[in-house]
Amino acid sequence: MSTPASRPGPRLNLRGAVDLSGLANRPQRPAAPATPPGGPSDGPGPATDQAADQPAAGGASVVLDVSDAEFASLVQLSAQVPVVVDLWATWCGPCKQLSPVLERLAEEYAGAFLLAKVDVDANPQIAAAFQVQSVPTVVAVLAGQPVPLFQGAYPEPQVRQVLEELLKVAAANGVTGRVPGVGAPGDDGEQAAPAEPPVPPLHAEAREAITRGDLDAAADAYRRALAEAPADAEAAIGLASIELRRRTRGTQAAQALAAADGAPGDVDAGLLAADHQVLAGDAEGAFGRLVALVRTTSGDDRDRVRARLVELFDVVGAEDPRVAAARRNLAAALY
């Protein structure tokens, strides 16, 4: 494997071509810190700051060394919290630069994502699953699905930007939890974090369905939750996120964007392209595309575009400033 030079980070794309089902279905064992290849005499792996491997407050850790046998549990955990995977090798110089950056940021974000460190030489099945061609390679797993991030030793500001975009994509797909046992930023660590309320049964059913890739079953569970409690905002957002992924299932983002850009008045093409943009974290671009369609359509077509915009507002979140700006733009376009 080669170690390519750094280059501008790619835009996030949730619809990777990697199949993690084999890893997800492997027998599990509890994850534990791995011993560096060759034992202590070889020195540390890519991370020079070993403090990041120590448990965080409450006995949990936001950084783990992970092996082939342990990765299945992380695929399942990705239904609740983003898992960032640092694929490295002991002989890789750029890996020794990048891994400490990732570890510092994992500690700073305090459980917003879990950093899983994978030695590709010691764990060839994980490397093969992610189709690793060079190291360092950094990918993520959201709701059991791979998200390509970047290759090469990026400087910290670029890594931080990629992580921010990843968290936006995670929120758009309903993955908003924290690493179990890790308190939010600002906790003093003197008291255990309060236990999270139990997940309602239908919500748990939906999350399990998402983890195994069954979007139809997840949508059905959320619909039943809304039938029982129409004011269940979390179920409504979850259903909107699942419907977004169902609409884009079997389609490619690049092709959808090219089709919409080539035919600006095509409502169906514009709706699909906007869906892909939200999935990729480009909510601003998606909203702008649909507001432009509102301005150039009328009747049923305009109603369809307006309804999709409102649905995507729910997916991104009412508190997001991009939603507030898009609501103003939509009002101006309509009236």
Protein backbone atom coordinates (compact mmCIF):
# COMPACT_ATOMS: atom_id res chain seq x y z
CA MET A 1 0.00 0.00 0.00
CA SER A 2 1.26 3.49 -0.82
CA THR A 3 0.98 6.66 1.23
CA PRO A 4 -0.46 9.35 -1.03
CA ALA A 5 0.02 13.06 -0.49
CA SER A 6 -2.75 15.07 1.10
CA ARG A 7 -5.35 16.66 -1.14
CA PRO A 8 -8.63 18.51 -0.61
CA GLY A 9 -11.17 16.35 1.16
CA PRO A 10 -14.00 14.77 -0.81
CA ARG A 11 -17.62 15.62 -0.16
CA LEU A 12 -19.22 13.05 2.03
CA ASN A 13 -21.31 10.40 0.33
CA LEU A 14 -23.38 8.05 2.45
CA ARG A 15 -23.99 5.60 -0.38
CA GLY A 16 -20.66 3.80 -0.45
CA ALA A 17 -20.09 0.65 -2.50
CA VAL A 18 -18.66 -1.30 0.43
CA ASP A 19 -20.56 -4.27 1.82
CA LEU A 20 -20.06 -4.60 5.58
CA SER A 21 -22.59 -7.37 6.05
CA GLY A 22 -19.89 -10.02 6.39
CA LEU A 23 -18.19 -8.16 9.21
CA ALA A 24 -21.49 -7.25 10.83
CA ASN A 25 -22.52 -10.90 11.02
CA ARG A 26 -19.25 -12.21 12.46
CA PRO A 27 -19.22 -13.66 15.98
CA GLN A 28 -18.41 -10.90 18.45
CA ARG A 29 -16.17 -10.56 21.43
CA PRO A 30 -15.68 -7.51 23.66
CA ALA A 31 -13.33 -4.93 22.18
CA ALA A 32 -10.05 -4.42 24.04
CA PRO A 33 -6.94 -2.34 23.38
CA ALA A 34 -4.61 -4.21 21.05
CA THR A 35 -0.93 -4.84 21.80
CA PRO A 36 1.32 -3.22 19.17
CA PRO A 37 2.71 -5.78 16.70
CA GLY A 38 5.95 -7.23 17.99
CA GLY A 39 5.26 -6.23 21.59
CA PRO A 40 6.33 -3.19 23.59
CA SER A 41 9.86 -3.20 22.14
CA ASP A 42 8.45 -1.97 18.83
CA GLY A 43 7.21 1.24 20.46
CA PRO A 44 3.80 2.80 19.91
CA GLY A 45 1.75 2.44 16.75
CA PRO A 46 0.66 5.47 14.79
CA ALA A 47 -0.50 7.38 17.85
CA THR A 48 2.23 9.12 19.80
CA ASP A 49 -0.19 10.35 22.45
CA GLN A 50 -1.09 7.21 24.34
CA ALA A 51 -3.41 9.07 26.73
CA ALA A 52 -6.11 8.95 24.06
CA ASP A 53 -6.36 5.19 24.51
CA GLN A 54 -7.20 5.54 28.19
CA PRO A 55 -10.84 5.33 29.26
CA ALA A 56 -12.71 8.60 29.38
CA ALA A 57 -14.77 9.72 32.34
CA GLY A 58 -17.17 7.03 33.44
CA GLY A 59 -14.87 4.19 32.34
CA ALA A 60 -15.65 4.48 28.61
CA SER A 61 -13.22 5.31 25.83
CA VAL A 62 -13.73 7.37 22.69
CA VAL A 63 -10.70 5.69 21.03
CA LEU A 64 -10.36 1.93 20.61
CA ASP A 65 -7.93 -0.41 18.89
CA VAL A 66 -10.16 -2.81 16.96
CA SER A 67 -9.57 -6.20 15.36
CA ASP A 68 -11.43 -8.21 12.73
CA ALA A 69 -13.28 -10.16 15.42
CA GLU A 70 -14.42 -7.04 17.26
CA PHE A 71 -15.61 -4.92 14.37
CA ALA A 72 -19.13 -6.39 14.25
CA SER A 73 -20.05 -4.68 17.51
CA LEU A 74 -18.98 -1.32 16.08
CA VAL A 75 -21.13 -1.80 12.98
CA GLN A 76 -24.08 -2.31 15.33
CA LEU A 77 -23.09 0.67 17.49
CA SER A 78 -23.09 2.88 14.38
CA ALA A 79 -26.90 2.90 14.49
CA GLN A 80 -26.56 5.13 17.58
CA VAL A 81 -23.28 7.04 17.16
CA PRO A 82 -20.93 7.64 14.18
CA VAL A 83 -17.90 5.35 14.11
CA VAL A 84 -14.78 6.86 12.50
CA VAL A 85 -12.30 4.21 11.35
CA ASP A 86 -8.59 5.06 11.15
CA LEU A 87 -6.95 2.44 8.91
CA TRP A 88 -3.19 2.56 9.46
CA ALA A 89 -0.02 0.46 9.36
CA THR A 90 3.05 0.36 11.60
CA TRP A 91 5.40 1.14 8.68
CA CYS A 92 3.38 4.17 7.52
CA GLY A 93 4.97 7.54 8.32
CA PRO A 94 1.92 9.70 7.48
CA CYS A 95 -0.17 7.46 9.75
CA LYS A 96 2.00 8.55 12.69
CA GLN A 97 1.13 12.16 11.85
CA LEU A 98 -2.61 11.67 11.33
CA SER A 99 -3.57 9.29 14.13
CA PRO A 100 -2.69 11.67 17.01
CA VAL A 101 -4.78 14.37 15.30
CA LEU A 102 -7.77 12.05 15.10
CA GLU A 103 -7.32 10.99 18.71
CA ARG A 104 -7.13 14.57 20.00
CA LEU A 105 -10.30 15.43 18.12
CA ALA A 106 -12.08 12.32 19.39
CA GLU A 107 -11.28 13.43 22.95
CA GLU A 108 -12.36 17.00 22.18
CA TYR A 109 -15.69 15.89 20.71
CA ALA A 110 -16.20 13.84 23.88
CA GLY A 111 -18.33 10.99 22.56
CA ALA A 112 -19.98 12.59 19.53
CA PHE A 113 -18.20 9.87 17.55
CA LEU A 114 -16.13 6.79 18.34
CA LEU A 115 -12.66 6.49 16.82
CA ALA A 116 -11.76 2.91 15.88
CA LYS A 117 -8.08 2.33 15.03
CA VAL A 118 -7.41 -0.61 12.70
CA ASP A 119 -3.95 -1.95 11.84
CA VAL A 120 -4.55 -3.09 8.25
CA ASP A 121 -1.70 -5.63 8.31
CA ALA A 122 -3.02 -7.30 11.45
CA ASN A 123 -6.67 -7.08 10.37
CA PRO A 124 -6.88 -7.83 6.63
CA GLN A 125 -10.63 -8.58 6.64
CA ILE A 126 -11.51 -5.04 7.71
CA ALA A 127 -9.06 -3.61 5.18
CA ALA A 128 -10.58 -5.75 2.44
CA ALA A 129 -14.14 -4.81 3.42
CA PHE A 130 -13.30 -1.12 3.03
CA GLN A 131 -11.33 -1.78 -0.17
CA VAL A 132 -8.28 -0.02 1.26
CA GLN A 133 -5.73 0.81 -1.42
CA SER A 134 -3.42 3.07 0.60
CA VAL A 135 -2.87 4.20 4.17
CA PRO A 136 -3.76 6.19 6.06
CA THR A 137 -7.38 5.84 4.99
CA VAL A 138 -10.19 7.24 7.11
CA VAL A 139 -13.78 6.08 6.68
CA ALA A 140 -16.88 6.19 8.85
CA VAL A 141 -19.80 3.87 9.51
CA LEU A 142 -23.30 5.34 9.98
CA ALA A 143 -26.27 3.08 10.66
CA GLY A 144 -24.27 0.14 9.34
CA GLN A 145 -23.39 1.93 6.10
CA PRO A 146 -19.87 3.04 5.05
CA VAL A 147 -19.04 6.72 4.50
CA PRO A 148 -15.77 7.41 2.64
CA LEU A 149 -13.93 10.34 4.27
CA PHE A 150 -10.34 10.84 3.03
CA GLN A 151 -6.91 9.34 2.41
CA GLY A 152 -3.57 10.80 3.44
CA ALA A 153 -2.25 12.79 6.40
CA TYR A 154 -4.56 15.80 6.56
CA PRO A 155 -3.80 18.83 8.76
CA GLU A 156 -6.03 19.25 11.79
CA PRO A 157 -8.26 22.07 10.39
CA GLN A 158 -9.20 19.91 7.38
CA VAL A 159 -9.81 16.86 9.57
CA ARG A 160 -12.03 18.94 11.83
CA GLN A 161 -14.01 20.19 8.81
CA VAL A 162 -14.56 16.62 7.58
CA LEU A 163 -15.73 15.54 11.02
CA GLU A 164 -18.17 18.45 11.22
CA GLU A 165 -19.65 17.43 7.87
CA LEU A 166 -19.83 13.82 9.03
CA LEU A 167 -21.83 14.82 12.12
CA LYS A 168 -24.24 16.79 9.90
CA VAL A 169 -24.73 13.72 7.69
CA ALA A 170 -25.22 11.60 10.82
CA ALA A 171 -27.88 13.99 12.13
CA ALA A 172 -29.66 13.93 8.76
CA ASN A 173 -29.83 10.15 9.07
CA GLY A 174 -31.02 10.05 12.67
CA VAL A 175 -27.66 8.98 14.17
CA THR A 176 -27.41 11.48 17.02
CA GLY A 177 -26.35 9.46 20.06
CA ARG A 178 -23.07 9.54 22.00
CA VAL A 179 -20.48 6.92 22.86
CA PRO A 180 -22.02 4.98 25.79
CA GLY A 181 -20.65 6.10 29.14
CA VAL A 182 -19.04 9.31 27.88
CA GLY A 183 -20.44 12.59 29.16
CA ALA A 184 -21.09 15.63 26.97
CA PRO A 185 -18.48 18.43 26.73
CA GLY A 186 -18.39 20.49 29.91
CA ASP A 187 -19.10 17.60 32.28
CA ASP A 188 -16.69 17.72 35.22
CA GLY A 189 -16.42 13.93 35.39
CA GLU A 190 -17.10 13.90 39.16
CA GLN A 191 -20.58 12.48 38.75
CA ALA A 192 -21.74 9.75 36.45
CA ALA A 193 -23.76 10.99 33.53
CA PRO A 194 -27.49 10.50 34.06
CA ALA A 195 -28.84 7.37 32.46
CA GLU A 196 -30.51 7.93 29.12
CA PRO A 197 -34.25 7.24 29.11
CA PRO A 198 -35.12 3.81 27.73
CA VAL A 199 -35.69 3.69 23.99
CA PRO A 200 -39.39 3.08 23.17
CA PRO A 201 -39.88 -0.43 21.78
CA LEU A 202 -40.90 0.70 18.28
CA HIS A 203 -37.94 3.10 18.12
CA ALA A 204 -35.64 0.26 19.12
CA GLU A 205 -37.24 -1.94 16.45
CA ALA A 206 -36.60 0.78 13.86
CA ARG A 207 -32.96 1.18 14.88
CA GLU A 208 -32.36 -2.55 14.71
CA ALA A 209 -33.89 -2.61 11.23
CA ILE A 210 -31.62 0.28 10.16
CA THR A 211 -28.57 -1.58 11.45
CA ARG A 212 -29.35 -4.62 9.31
CA GLY A 213 -30.17 -2.43 6.30
CA ASP A 214 -33.92 -3.10 6.23
CA LEU A 215 -35.24 0.39 5.54
CA ASP A 216 -38.77 -0.83 4.80
CA ALA A 217 -39.06 -2.43 8.24
CA ALA A 218 -37.62 0.69 9.87
CA ALA A 219 -40.18 2.90 8.13
CA ASP A 220 -42.97 0.57 9.19
CA ALA A 221 -41.84 0.69 12.84
CA TYR A 222 -41.74 4.50 12.82
CA ARG A 223 -45.20 4.66 11.20
CA ARG A 224 -46.60 2.42 13.93
CA ALA A 225 -44.95 4.63 16.55
CA LEU A 226 -46.64 7.70 15.03
CA ALA A 227 -49.98 5.88 14.91
CA GLU A 228 -49.68 5.30 18.66
CA ALA A 229 -48.38 8.81 19.42
CA PRO A 230 -48.93 11.33 16.59
CA ALA A 231 -46.94 13.98 18.52
CA ASP A 232 -43.82 11.76 18.67
CA ALA A 233 -41.35 14.21 17.07
CA GLU A 234 -38.45 11.74 17.18
CA ALA A 235 -40.45 9.15 15.27
CA ALA A 236 -41.50 11.77 12.72
CA ILE A 237 -37.90 12.82 12.14
CA GLY A 238 -36.78 9.20 12.01
CA LEU A 239 -39.43 8.37 9.42
CA ALA A 240 -38.48 11.39 7.32
CA SER A 241 -34.84 10.32 7.40
CA ILE A 242 -35.71 6.76 6.41
CA GLU A 243 -37.95 7.93 3.57
CA LEU A 244 -35.06 10.06 2.33
CA ARG A 245 -32.83 7.00 2.16
CA ARG A 246 -35.55 4.90 0.56
CA ARG A 247 -36.05 7.48 -2.19
CA THR A 248 -32.34 7.46 -3.01
CA ARG A 249 -31.95 3.68 -2.73
CA GLY A 250 -30.53 2.19 -5.93
CA THR A 251 -29.53 5.58 -7.35
CA GLN A 252 -26.15 7.27 -7.62
CA ALA A 253 -25.51 10.78 -6.34
CA ALA A 254 -23.24 11.84 -9.20
CA GLN A 255 -25.75 10.74 -11.82
CA ALA A 256 -28.66 12.37 -10.00
CA LEU A 257 -26.85 15.69 -9.69
CA ALA A 258 -25.76 15.63 -13.32
CA ALA A 259 -29.31 14.90 -14.49
CA ALA A 260 -30.76 17.73 -12.42
CA ASP A 261 -28.09 20.21 -13.49
CA GLY A 262 -28.66 19.26 -17.13
CA ALA A 263 -32.43 19.78 -16.89
CA PRO A 264 -33.09 22.57 -14.34
CA GLY A 265 -36.86 22.43 -14.92
CA ASP A 266 -37.21 18.69 -14.37
CA VAL A 267 -39.00 18.41 -11.03
CA ASP A 268 -38.37 14.69 -10.49
CA ALA A 269 -34.66 15.10 -11.23
CA GLY A 270 -34.43 18.11 -8.93
CA LEU A 271 -36.14 16.32 -6.06
CA LEU A 272 -33.82 13.32 -6.30
CA ALA A 273 -30.73 15.51 -6.55
CA ALA A 274 -31.81 17.48 -3.47
CA ASP A 275 -32.29 14.24 -1.54
CA HIS A 276 -28.75 13.17 -2.40
CA GLN A 277 -27.38 16.56 -1.40
CA VAL A 278 -28.98 16.33 2.04
CA LEU A 279 -27.61 12.82 2.49
CA ALA A 280 -24.15 14.13 1.63
CA GLY A 281 -24.43 16.97 4.16
CA ASP A 282 -25.02 19.72 1.57
CA ALA A 283 -28.36 20.91 2.95
CA GLU A 284 -27.76 24.46 1.79
CA GLY A 285 -27.28 23.31 -1.80
CA ALA A 286 -30.37 21.11 -1.63
CA PHE A 287 -32.53 23.90 -0.26
CA GLY A 288 -31.26 26.35 -2.86
CA ARG A 289 -32.04 23.89 -5.64
CA LEU A 290 -35.62 23.37 -4.47
CA VAL A 291 -36.32 27.03 -3.80
CA ALA A 292 -35.22 27.72 -7.39
CA LEU A 293 -37.68 25.05 -8.56
CA VAL A 294 -40.46 26.66 -6.53
CA ARG A 295 -39.82 29.89 -8.40
CA THR A 296 -40.08 28.24 -11.82
CA THR A 297 -43.00 25.85 -11.26
CA SER A 298 -46.71 26.15 -10.56
CA GLY A 299 -49.70 24.05 -9.56
CA ASP A 300 -49.09 20.48 -8.49
CA ASP A 301 -45.39 20.60 -9.34
CA ARG A 302 -44.86 23.58 -7.06
CA ASP A 303 -46.80 21.85 -4.28
CA ARG A 304 -44.60 18.74 -4.62
CA VAL A 305 -41.42 20.79 -4.39
CA ARG A 306 -42.68 22.80 -1.42
CA ALA A 307 -43.73 19.61 0.40
CA ARG A 308 -40.32 18.02 -0.19
CA LEU A 309 -38.59 21.13 1.14
CA VAL A 310 -40.65 21.02 4.32
CA GLU A 311 -39.85 17.32 4.74
CA LEU A 312 -36.13 17.97 4.29
CA PHE A 313 -36.36 20.78 6.86
CA ASP A 314 -37.52 18.14 9.35
CA VAL A 315 -34.63 15.85 8.42
CA VAL A 316 -31.97 18.54 8.86
CA GLY A 317 -33.56 19.99 12.01
CA ALA A 318 -35.47 23.17 12.77
CA GLU A 319 -32.59 24.52 14.86
CA ASP A 320 -30.16 24.41 11.92
CA PRO A 321 -29.51 27.97 10.64
CA ARG A 322 -29.63 26.70 7.06
CA VAL A 323 -33.25 25.71 7.64
CA ALA A 324 -34.17 29.15 8.95
CA ALA A 325 -32.58 30.81 5.92
CA ALA A 326 -34.28 28.41 3.52
CA ARG A 327 -37.67 29.01 5.13
CA ARG A 328 -37.27 32.74 4.47
CA ASN A 329 -36.23 32.07 0.88
CA LEU A 330 -39.19 29.73 0.39
CA ALA A 331 -41.62 32.32 1.70
CA ALA A 332 -40.16 34.92 -0.67
CA ALA A 333 -40.44 32.50 -3.60
CA LEU A 334 -44.05 31.65 -2.81
CA TYR A 335 -45.33 35.15 -2.09
